[in-house]
Protein backbone atom coordinates (compact mmCIF):
# COMPACT_ATOMS: atom_id res chain seq x y z
CA MET A 1 19.82 -56.57 70.96
CA LEU A 2 16.73 -56.59 68.74
CA ALA A 3 14.55 -55.26 71.57
CA ALA A 4 17.03 -52.44 72.21
CA PHE A 5 17.09 -51.57 68.51
CA VAL A 6 13.29 -51.45 68.32
CA ARG A 7 13.18 -49.28 71.44
CA LYS A 8 15.71 -46.90 69.89
CA LEU A 9 13.65 -46.73 66.69
CA ARG A 10 10.54 -45.91 68.68
CA GLU A 11 12.26 -43.20 70.70
CA ASP A 12 14.53 -41.64 68.06
CA TYR A 13 12.46 -42.12 64.93
CA TRP A 14 8.73 -42.46 65.39
CA GLY A 15 8.45 -39.89 68.12
CA ASP A 16 10.35 -37.27 66.11
CA VAL A 17 8.53 -38.13 62.89
CA ILE A 18 5.11 -37.77 64.50
CA THR A 19 6.10 -34.42 66.02
CA ASP A 20 7.56 -33.10 62.75
CA CYS A 21 4.57 -34.24 60.70
CA GLU A 22 2.02 -32.74 63.06
CA GLN A 23 3.94 -29.46 63.21
CA ALA A 24 3.98 -29.32 59.41
CA ARG A 25 0.22 -29.94 59.33
CA SER A 26 -0.47 -27.23 61.89
CA ASP A 27 1.75 -24.71 60.08
CA SER A 28 0.11 -25.40 56.71
CA GLU A 29 -3.42 -25.03 58.04
CA ALA A 30 -2.52 -21.79 59.77
CA ARG A 31 -0.84 -20.42 56.64
CA LEU A 32 -3.34 -21.54 54.00
CA GLY A 33 -6.64 -21.96 55.81
CA ARG A 34 -8.74 -25.10 56.10
CA VAL A 35 -10.52 -24.78 52.73
CA ALA A 36 -7.27 -24.36 50.78
CA VAL A 37 -5.78 -27.34 52.61
CA GLN A 38 -8.76 -29.52 51.66
CA LYS A 39 -8.40 -28.48 48.00
CA ARG A 40 -4.72 -29.40 47.96
CA VAL A 41 -5.42 -32.76 49.59
CA ALA A 42 -8.08 -33.47 46.97
CA ALA A 43 -5.74 -32.50 44.10
CA THR A 44 -2.94 -34.67 45.49
CA VAL A 45 -5.18 -37.71 45.99
CA LEU A 46 -6.57 -37.35 42.45
CA LEU A 47 -3.03 -37.26 41.03
CA VAL A 48 -2.13 -40.36 43.06
CA ILE A 49 -5.20 -42.14 41.64
CA ALA A 50 -4.33 -41.04 38.09
CA CYS A 51 -0.78 -42.37 38.43
CA LEU A 52 -1.99 -45.69 39.84
CA MET A 53 -4.54 -46.10 37.05
CA PHE A 54 -1.92 -45.28 34.42
CA VAL A 55 0.41 -47.95 35.79
CA ARG A 56 -2.38 -50.52 36.12
CA PHE A 57 -3.95 -50.12 32.69
CA ALA A 58 -1.32 -48.58 30.41
CA GLY A 59 1.34 -50.84 31.88
CA ASN A 60 -0.62 -54.10 31.61
CA GLU A 61 1.75 -56.17 29.49
CA SER A 62 -0.87 -58.91 29.12
CA ASP A 63 -3.36 -56.65 27.34
CA LEU A 64 -1.78 -54.50 24.65
CA ALA A 65 -4.59 -54.79 22.13
CA TRP A 66 -5.60 -51.22 22.93
CA VAL A 67 -2.26 -49.99 21.59
CA VAL A 68 -2.69 -51.93 18.35
CA ASN A 69 -6.27 -50.72 17.96
CA GLY A 70 -5.27 -47.17 18.81
CA LEU A 71 -2.55 -47.11 16.15
CA LYS A 72 -4.99 -48.44 13.59
CA ALA A 73 -7.60 -45.86 14.61
CA VAL A 74 -5.20 -42.98 13.88
CA GLY A 75 -4.26 -44.38 10.47
CA LEU A 76 -1.09 -46.29 11.33
CA PRO A 77 -1.88 -49.90 10.41
CA THR A 78 1.72 -50.73 9.46
CA GLU A 79 3.01 -49.52 12.83
CA ALA A 80 0.19 -51.38 14.59
CA GLU A 81 1.17 -54.66 12.93
CA ALA A 82 4.86 -54.08 13.68
CA PHE A 83 4.04 -53.40 17.36
CA ARG A 84 1.90 -56.55 17.54
CA LYS A 85 4.70 -58.69 16.12
CA VAL A 86 7.35 -57.23 18.43
CA MET A 87 5.18 -57.83 21.50
CA ASP A 88 4.01 -61.30 20.43
CA PRO A 89 5.02 -63.81 23.17
CA LYS A 90 5.86 -66.29 20.39
CA ASN A 91 8.54 -63.90 19.16
CA ALA A 92 12.00 -64.75 20.56
CA ASN A 93 12.28 -61.27 22.05
CA GLY A 94 8.58 -60.84 22.78
CA GLN A 95 8.85 -61.43 26.51
CA ILE A 96 11.66 -58.95 27.10
CA TRP A 97 9.90 -56.29 25.00
CA ARG A 98 6.78 -56.77 27.11
CA LYS A 99 8.92 -56.28 30.22
CA VAL A 100 10.35 -53.11 28.69
CA TRP A 101 6.79 -51.86 28.20
CA TRP A 102 5.83 -52.88 31.76
CA ALA A 103 8.86 -51.17 33.30
CA GLY A 104 8.47 -48.08 31.12
CA ALA A 105 4.87 -47.61 32.25
CA ARG A 106 5.84 -47.97 35.91
CA VAL A 107 8.80 -45.61 35.64
CA THR A 108 6.50 -43.11 33.93
CA GLY A 109 3.53 -43.47 36.30
CA TYR A 110 5.45 -43.85 39.54
CA GLY A 111 8.47 -41.72 38.70
CA LEU A 112 8.18 -39.22 35.86
CA LEU A 113 4.62 -37.99 36.47
CA PRO A 114 5.21 -37.26 40.19
CA ALA A 115 8.60 -35.75 39.38
CA LEU A 116 7.09 -33.43 36.75
CA LEU A 117 3.81 -32.55 38.47
CA GLY A 118 4.78 -32.95 42.13
CA PRO A 119 6.86 -29.76 42.46
CA ARG A 120 4.14 -27.71 40.76
CA LEU A 121 1.43 -29.15 43.01
CA THR A 122 3.35 -29.04 46.29
CA GLY A 123 5.86 -26.24 45.84
CA LEU A 124 8.59 -28.67 46.91
CA THR A 125 11.81 -29.30 45.02
CA LEU A 126 12.71 -32.79 43.78
CA ALA A 127 15.23 -33.03 46.62
CA GLU A 128 12.49 -32.16 49.11
CA LEU A 129 10.25 -34.82 47.54
CA GLY A 130 12.90 -37.36 48.56
CA LEU A 131 15.36 -37.47 45.68
CA GLY A 132 18.01 -35.72 47.75
CA PHE A 133 20.22 -37.64 50.17
CA GLY A 134 19.08 -35.70 53.25
CA ASP A 135 20.46 -37.24 56.45
CA LEU A 136 20.90 -40.67 54.88
CA ARG A 137 24.64 -40.95 55.44
CA LYS A 138 24.26 -40.37 59.17
CA HIS A 139 21.90 -43.33 59.44
CA ALA A 140 23.57 -45.88 57.14
CA LYS A 141 23.76 -48.35 60.05
CA THR A 142 19.97 -48.43 60.28
CA TYR A 143 19.68 -49.62 56.70
CA GLY A 144 22.56 -52.03 57.21
CA PHE A 145 20.71 -53.59 60.14
CA LEU A 146 17.45 -53.85 58.17
CA PHE A 147 19.36 -55.43 55.28
CA ALA A 148 20.91 -57.99 57.63
CA VAL A 149 17.46 -58.90 59.03
CA MET A 150 15.77 -58.97 55.65
CA MET A 151 18.11 -61.19 53.64
CA PRO A 152 17.88 -64.37 55.77
CA ALA A 153 14.08 -64.02 55.84
CA ILE A 154 13.96 -63.80 52.03
CA PHE A 155 16.28 -66.79 51.75
CA LEU A 156 13.99 -68.92 53.92
CA ALA A 157 10.91 -67.74 52.01
CA SER A 158 12.57 -68.73 48.74
CA PHE A 159 12.10 -72.41 49.59
CA GLY A 160 8.34 -72.03 49.24
CA GLU A 161 6.75 -73.40 46.10
CA GLY A 162 4.72 -70.25 45.49
CA PHE A 163 7.90 -68.17 45.65
CA GLN A 164 9.66 -70.21 43.00
CA VAL A 165 6.62 -70.12 40.72
CA LYS A 166 6.34 -66.32 41.01
CA TYR A 167 9.99 -65.36 40.58
CA PRO A 168 11.76 -64.25 38.54
CA TYR A 169 9.21 -62.24 36.58
CA TYR A 170 11.32 -62.70 33.49
CA LYS A 171 11.08 -66.42 32.70
CA LEU A 172 14.24 -67.81 31.17
CA ALA A 173 13.86 -70.26 28.30
CA ALA A 174 15.25 -73.79 28.76
CA ASN A 175 18.77 -73.08 27.49
CA GLU A 176 18.79 -69.30 27.77
CA THR A 177 21.79 -67.63 29.39
CA LEU A 178 21.52 -64.72 31.83
CA TRP A 179 23.08 -62.36 29.30
CA PRO A 180 21.67 -60.29 27.74
CA ARG A 181 17.91 -60.48 28.37
CA PHE A 182 17.88 -61.38 32.06
CA VAL A 183 20.50 -58.73 32.86
CA LEU A 184 18.45 -56.15 30.94
CA TRP A 185 15.39 -57.25 32.91
CA GLU A 186 17.17 -56.70 36.23
CA LEU A 187 18.19 -53.18 35.16
CA LEU A 188 14.57 -52.44 34.22
CA TYR A 189 13.47 -53.91 37.55
CA ILE A 190 15.83 -51.60 39.44
CA ALA A 191 14.58 -48.53 37.53
CA ASN A 192 11.04 -49.57 38.42
CA PHE A 193 11.85 -49.55 42.14
CA VAL A 194 13.32 -46.08 41.99
CA GLY A 195 9.94 -45.00 40.64
CA VAL A 196 8.06 -47.01 43.28
CA GLU A 197 9.99 -45.41 46.13
CA LEU A 198 9.62 -41.91 44.70
CA PHE A 199 5.88 -42.38 44.33
CA PHE A 200 5.03 -44.11 47.63
CA ARG A 201 7.73 -42.92 50.02
CA GLY A 202 8.44 -39.62 48.33
CA PHE A 203 5.57 -37.84 46.61
CA SER A 204 2.60 -39.59 48.26
CA ILE A 205 3.84 -38.85 51.76
CA ARG A 206 5.48 -35.48 51.28
CA ALA A 207 2.66 -34.00 49.23
CA LEU A 208 0.13 -34.87 51.96
CA ARG A 209 2.29 -34.53 55.06
CA PRO A 210 1.80 -30.74 55.38
CA TYR A 211 -1.98 -31.19 55.33
CA ILE A 212 -2.77 -34.44 57.17
CA GLY A 213 0.42 -34.89 59.18
CA TYR A 214 1.57 -38.33 60.29
CA SER A 215 -1.53 -39.92 58.72
CA SER A 216 0.12 -39.43 55.32
CA ILE A 217 2.27 -42.51 56.01
CA PHE A 218 -0.76 -44.68 56.74
CA LEU A 219 -2.68 -43.36 53.74
CA MET A 220 0.26 -44.31 51.51
CA MET A 221 0.24 -47.84 52.94
CA VAL A 222 -3.22 -48.60 51.49
CA PRO A 223 -2.38 -48.49 47.75
CA TYR A 224 1.07 -49.90 48.47
CA ALA A 225 -0.45 -52.99 50.09
CA MET A 226 -2.98 -53.31 47.26
CA ILE A 227 -0.33 -53.52 44.52
CA HIS A 228 0.96 -56.64 46.33
CA PHE A 229 -2.37 -58.49 46.27
CA GLY A 230 -1.29 -60.75 43.40
CA LYS A 231 1.89 -61.85 45.18
CA PRO A 232 2.45 -64.66 47.73
CA LEU A 233 0.60 -63.98 51.01
CA PRO A 234 3.75 -63.54 53.17
CA GLU A 235 5.02 -60.88 50.76
CA ALA A 236 1.64 -59.13 50.70
CA VAL A 237 1.50 -59.05 54.51
CA GLY A 238 5.12 -57.93 54.63
CA SER A 239 4.31 -54.98 52.37
CA VAL A 240 2.24 -53.45 55.19
CA ILE A 241 5.23 -53.52 57.54
CA THR A 242 7.59 -52.42 54.79
CA GLY A 243 5.36 -49.51 53.84
CA PHE A 244 5.24 -48.28 57.43
CA VAL A 245 8.95 -48.68 58.17
CA LEU A 246 10.25 -47.24 54.89
CA GLY A 247 7.69 -44.43 55.01
CA THR A 248 8.78 -43.46 58.51
CA LEU A 249 12.48 -43.66 57.67
CA SER A 250 12.07 -41.62 54.48
CA VAL A 251 10.42 -38.81 56.44
CA LYS A 252 13.00 -38.98 59.20
CA HIS A 253 15.99 -39.03 56.84
CA ARG A 254 14.43 -36.82 54.14
CA SER A 255 15.41 -39.26 51.40
CA ILE A 256 14.00 -42.22 49.49
CA TRP A 257 17.39 -43.73 48.60
CA GLY A 258 17.66 -45.92 51.68
CA GLY A 259 14.34 -47.47 50.70
CA VAL A 260 15.56 -47.87 47.12
CA PHE A 261 18.60 -49.76 48.39
CA LEU A 262 16.50 -52.12 50.52
CA HIS A 263 13.81 -52.60 47.89
CA VAL A 264 16.27 -53.34 45.09
CA SER A 265 18.28 -55.68 47.33
CA ALA A 266 15.15 -57.62 48.26
CA ALA A 267 13.69 -57.81 44.74
CA CYS A 268 16.89 -58.79 42.96
CA SER A 269 17.74 -61.37 45.62
CA MET A 270 14.30 -62.94 45.12
CA ASP A 271 15.06 -63.41 41.43
CA LEU A 272 18.53 -64.77 42.12
CA TYR A 273 17.41 -67.13 44.88
CA SER A 274 14.72 -68.52 42.58
CA LEU A 275 17.27 -69.10 39.80
CA TRP A 276 19.57 -70.75 42.32
CA HIS A 277 16.82 -73.18 43.32
CA GLN A 278 16.27 -73.93 39.63
CA GLY A 279 19.96 -74.69 39.14
CA ARG A 280 20.40 -71.75 36.78
CA LEU A 281 23.19 -70.10 38.82
């Protein structure tokens, strides 16, 4: 059954995706000329780098001194001190406010910036960048199958010590209930993954696909794998496969929402499995 499914994927998905991508590349080069294509590739890659750097540095919840210093530098010492106190890990709400900052930076860098600048750079609508539903409904069974394969694998991985140390990202205090902070964290986590999918499976692929064809999927896989370097090794290795599969499916189905469903299901289940092992559920 699995072999037949993989064969169907190869025949019905990858073959069509490669053909479509290469046709788009050929059409763009013929319409714009090679020099114009190279300029657009350079502009897209620079925007991708800018978004990644914004998320990495502006969204670093462990180093917010630059915000405090910046507020002081512009003559707002009272606001700087208030910000420092709110974000202080010793504050009862300090951890969740740091997660709000973390998620806000990722939603901005991965989601809002590509959504605002992507259409101007590429000439594509937000729906064409992947926010539409495309042919998703026709292929719901594909995502159902991937979900069924993925969940048992995550459950088995959850027994690893490294897994339970890493997750959930929001660390519950000894007698803390799931409501309200943990629930708020999960909502922030979900919003983050909408941004992640838009950036990696939407903008990064679709902005480059007309110029470098099928290679756009593999180019996207490089930064996507790198953002997993601080995670357990099996998850980091899995991100390479995930990046390829979800990238291919998003191009085929013209939508990122199938990837959002799988990504959110995986991430939230990791948190819940970890809490289950800790006896918190």
